[in-house]
Amino acid sequence: MSSIDNLKEAFAGESQANRKYLAFAKKAHEDGHHQVARLFRAAAEAETVHANNHLKVLKGINSTEENLKEAIAGEVEEFKEMYPGFIKTAKEENNKEALWTFDVANQVEEIHADLYQKALDSFGKNVEVIYNVCKFCGNTVENDAPDLCPICGAPKTEFTKID
């Protein structure tokens, strides 16, 4: 394998470790182990530093406009190609939990593609938008959260405002 291949693999691994450690931190906090939660959050931040360093060396961070275009392409690939195959397999295996998580992610990835496209269409106009994210399915909405999430049915109180 080349150094470029290794950088790509390292970026993926560090990115996954970040997310995993943040999930571990949340669980440790819920269990009352606040020092362990703090350690997991610290390690997660370090993994982010590593991932960002790898991505910089890969020349994976471009202009904001180029990054928006890449994000759109990635989200479209996920909801048109990746998740439909995952959903099909989960149905064939009658794995209802996997089906649920793939289905909601698929719906939200399409929303993300649309939101990125809106941002690209208004790029440079400094349009101020507040985003709210459902804690259960990841649904991302502009401005006020709905009374009930249209994807998973969670109440408005389960949306997190993103500053």
Protein backbone atom coordinates (compact mmCIF):
# COMPACT_ATOMS: atom_id res chain seq x y z
CA MET A 1 0.00 0.00 0.00
CA SER A 2 1.11 3.54 -0.69
CA SER A 3 1.37 6.36 1.83
CA ILE A 4 -1.75 7.87 0.27
CA ASP A 5 -3.66 4.62 0.84
CA ASN A 6 -2.36 4.53 4.40
CA LEU A 7 -3.41 8.15 4.98
CA LYS A 8 -6.92 7.35 3.74
CA GLU A 9 -7.13 4.31 6.01
CA ALA A 10 -5.76 6.27 8.96
CA PHE A 11 -8.24 9.10 8.35
CA ALA A 12 -11.14 6.63 8.35
CA GLY A 13 -9.88 4.90 11.50
CA GLU A 14 -9.28 8.14 13.41
CA SER A 15 -12.69 9.46 12.36
CA GLN A 16 -14.40 6.30 13.55
CA ALA A 17 -12.48 6.34 16.82
CA ASN A 18 -13.62 9.93 17.43
CA ARG A 19 -17.28 9.04 17.03
CA LYS A 20 -16.94 5.83 19.04
CA TYR A 21 -15.17 7.58 21.93
CA LEU A 22 -17.83 10.31 22.02
CA ALA A 23 -20.50 7.60 22.27
CA PHE A 24 -18.48 5.92 25.02
CA ALA A 25 -18.20 9.28 26.82
CA LYS A 26 -21.94 9.80 26.70
CA LYS A 27 -22.51 6.34 28.21
CA ALA A 28 -19.88 6.86 30.90
CA HIS A 29 -21.49 10.19 31.81
CA GLU A 30 -24.95 8.59 31.98
CA ASP A 31 -23.49 5.88 34.25
CA GLY A 32 -22.05 8.54 36.57
CA HIS A 33 -18.40 7.95 35.59
CA HIS A 34 -17.60 11.58 34.84
CA GLN A 35 -13.81 11.24 34.90
CA VAL A 36 -13.94 8.35 32.42
CA ALA A 37 -16.31 10.40 30.26
CA ARG A 38 -13.82 13.27 30.33
CA LEU A 39 -11.00 10.92 29.27
CA PHE A 40 -13.08 9.57 26.37
CA ARG A 41 -13.85 13.16 25.25
CA ALA A 42 -10.16 14.09 25.46
CA ALA A 43 -9.14 11.05 23.39
CA ALA A 44 -11.92 11.82 20.89
CA GLU A 45 -10.56 15.35 20.46
CA ALA A 46 -7.06 13.94 19.90
CA GLU A 47 -8.42 11.55 17.27
CA THR A 48 -9.99 14.56 15.53
CA VAL A 49 -6.60 16.28 15.46
CA HIS A 50 -5.08 13.16 13.89
CA ALA A 51 -7.88 12.86 11.32
CA ASN A 52 -7.60 16.53 10.37
CA ASN A 53 -3.82 16.22 9.97
CA HIS A 54 -4.25 13.21 7.69
CA LEU A 55 -6.92 14.98 5.64
CA LYS A 56 -4.71 18.05 5.21
CA VAL A 57 -1.85 15.90 3.91
CA LEU A 58 -4.33 14.23 1.52
CA LYS A 59 -5.26 17.73 0.26
CA GLY A 60 -8.84 16.87 1.22
CA ILE A 61 -9.79 20.33 2.43
CA ASN A 62 -10.45 22.81 -0.34
CA SER A 63 -12.33 26.07 -0.70
CA THR A 64 -15.68 26.23 1.06
CA GLU A 65 -17.45 26.18 -2.29
CA GLU A 66 -15.52 23.09 -3.40
CA ASN A 67 -16.15 21.46 -0.01
CA LEU A 68 -19.91 22.07 -0.40
CA LYS A 69 -19.84 20.41 -3.84
CA GLU A 70 -17.95 17.43 -2.43
CA ALA A 71 -20.40 17.17 0.49
CA ILE A 72 -23.35 17.17 -1.93
CA ALA A 73 -21.76 14.40 -4.01
CA GLY A 74 -21.07 12.33 -0.90
CA GLU A 75 -24.58 12.69 0.48
CA VAL A 76 -26.16 11.89 -2.91
CA GLU A 77 -24.00 8.77 -3.22
CA GLU A 78 -25.12 7.66 0.23
CA PHE A 79 -28.86 8.06 -0.32
CA LYS A 80 -28.90 6.87 -3.94
CA GLU A 81 -26.32 4.08 -3.87
CA MET A 82 -25.06 3.03 -0.45
CA TYR A 83 -28.10 3.00 1.84
CA PRO A 84 -30.56 1.45 -0.65
CA GLY A 85 -28.29 -1.61 -0.84
CA PHE A 86 -27.98 -1.73 2.94
CA ILE A 87 -31.76 -1.43 3.30
CA LYS A 88 -32.31 -4.25 0.82
CA THR A 89 -29.95 -6.56 2.73
CA ALA A 90 -31.52 -5.69 6.10
CA LYS A 91 -34.98 -6.49 4.68
CA GLU A 92 -33.75 -9.80 3.26
CA GLU A 93 -32.26 -10.69 6.65
CA ASN A 94 -35.35 -9.40 8.50
CA ASN A 95 -32.99 -7.29 10.65
CA LYS A 96 -35.46 -4.65 11.80
CA GLU A 97 -32.97 -2.66 13.89
CA ALA A 98 -30.51 -2.38 11.01
CA LEU A 99 -33.38 -1.56 8.65
CA TRP A 100 -34.55 1.27 10.90
CA THR A 101 -31.13 2.88 11.26
CA PHE A 102 -30.33 2.55 7.55
CA ASP A 103 -33.76 3.91 6.57
CA VAL A 104 -33.63 7.01 8.77
CA ALA A 105 -30.03 7.71 7.77
CA ASN A 106 -30.99 7.38 4.11
CA GLN A 107 -33.83 9.88 4.50
CA VAL A 108 -31.61 12.34 6.35
CA GLU A 109 -28.73 12.08 3.86
CA GLU A 110 -31.11 13.31 1.16
CA ILE A 111 -32.07 16.23 3.39
CA HIS A 112 -28.39 17.00 3.95
CA ALA A 113 -27.76 17.01 0.19
CA ASP A 114 -30.62 19.49 -0.22
CA LEU A 115 -29.37 21.71 2.61
CA TYR A 116 -25.84 21.72 1.18
CA GLN A 117 -27.28 22.60 -2.24
CA LYS A 118 -29.23 25.50 -0.72
CA ALA A 119 -26.04 26.71 0.94
CA LEU A 120 -24.18 26.45 -2.35
CA ASP A 121 -26.97 28.25 -4.22
CA SER A 122 -26.83 31.14 -1.74
CA PHE A 123 -23.04 30.97 -1.32
CA GLY A 124 -21.50 34.34 -0.54
CA LYS A 125 -24.82 35.95 0.37
CA ASN A 126 -24.35 35.31 4.11
CA VAL A 127 -27.88 34.03 4.58
CA GLU A 128 -28.37 33.32 8.31
CA VAL A 129 -30.04 29.96 9.04
CA ILE A 130 -30.39 28.10 12.32
CA TYR A 131 -30.30 24.30 12.17
CA ASN A 132 -31.91 21.84 14.56
CA VAL A 133 -30.97 18.14 14.67
CA CYS A 134 -33.15 15.32 15.98
CA LYS A 135 -31.30 13.39 18.68
CA PHE A 136 -32.84 10.09 17.55
CA CYS A 137 -32.68 10.00 13.76
CA GLY A 138 -30.43 12.92 12.85
CA ASN A 139 -33.11 14.74 10.88
CA THR A 140 -31.75 18.20 10.20
CA VAL A 141 -34.17 21.10 9.80
CA GLU A 142 -33.81 24.78 9.14
CA ASN A 143 -34.91 27.31 11.75
CA ASP A 144 -37.53 26.03 14.21
CA ALA A 145 -37.80 22.35 14.98
CA PRO A 146 -41.15 20.77 14.09
CA ASP A 147 -43.56 19.72 16.84
CA LEU A 148 -42.88 16.11 15.80
CA CYS A 149 -39.98 14.85 13.74
CA PRO A 150 -41.43 13.81 10.35
CA ILE A 151 -38.92 10.95 10.13
CA CYS A 152 -39.01 9.29 13.56
CA GLY A 153 -41.84 11.06 15.41
CA ALA A 154 -39.65 12.47 18.20
CA PRO A 155 -41.08 15.56 19.91
CA LYS A 156 -39.67 19.05 19.35
CA THR A 157 -37.87 18.86 22.71
CA GLU A 158 -35.58 16.16 21.29
CA PHE A 159 -34.05 18.48 18.69
CA THR A 160 -30.68 20.13 19.38
CA LYS A 161 -30.13 23.67 18.14
CA ILE A 162 -26.81 23.98 16.32
CA ASP A 163 -25.04 27.33 16.69
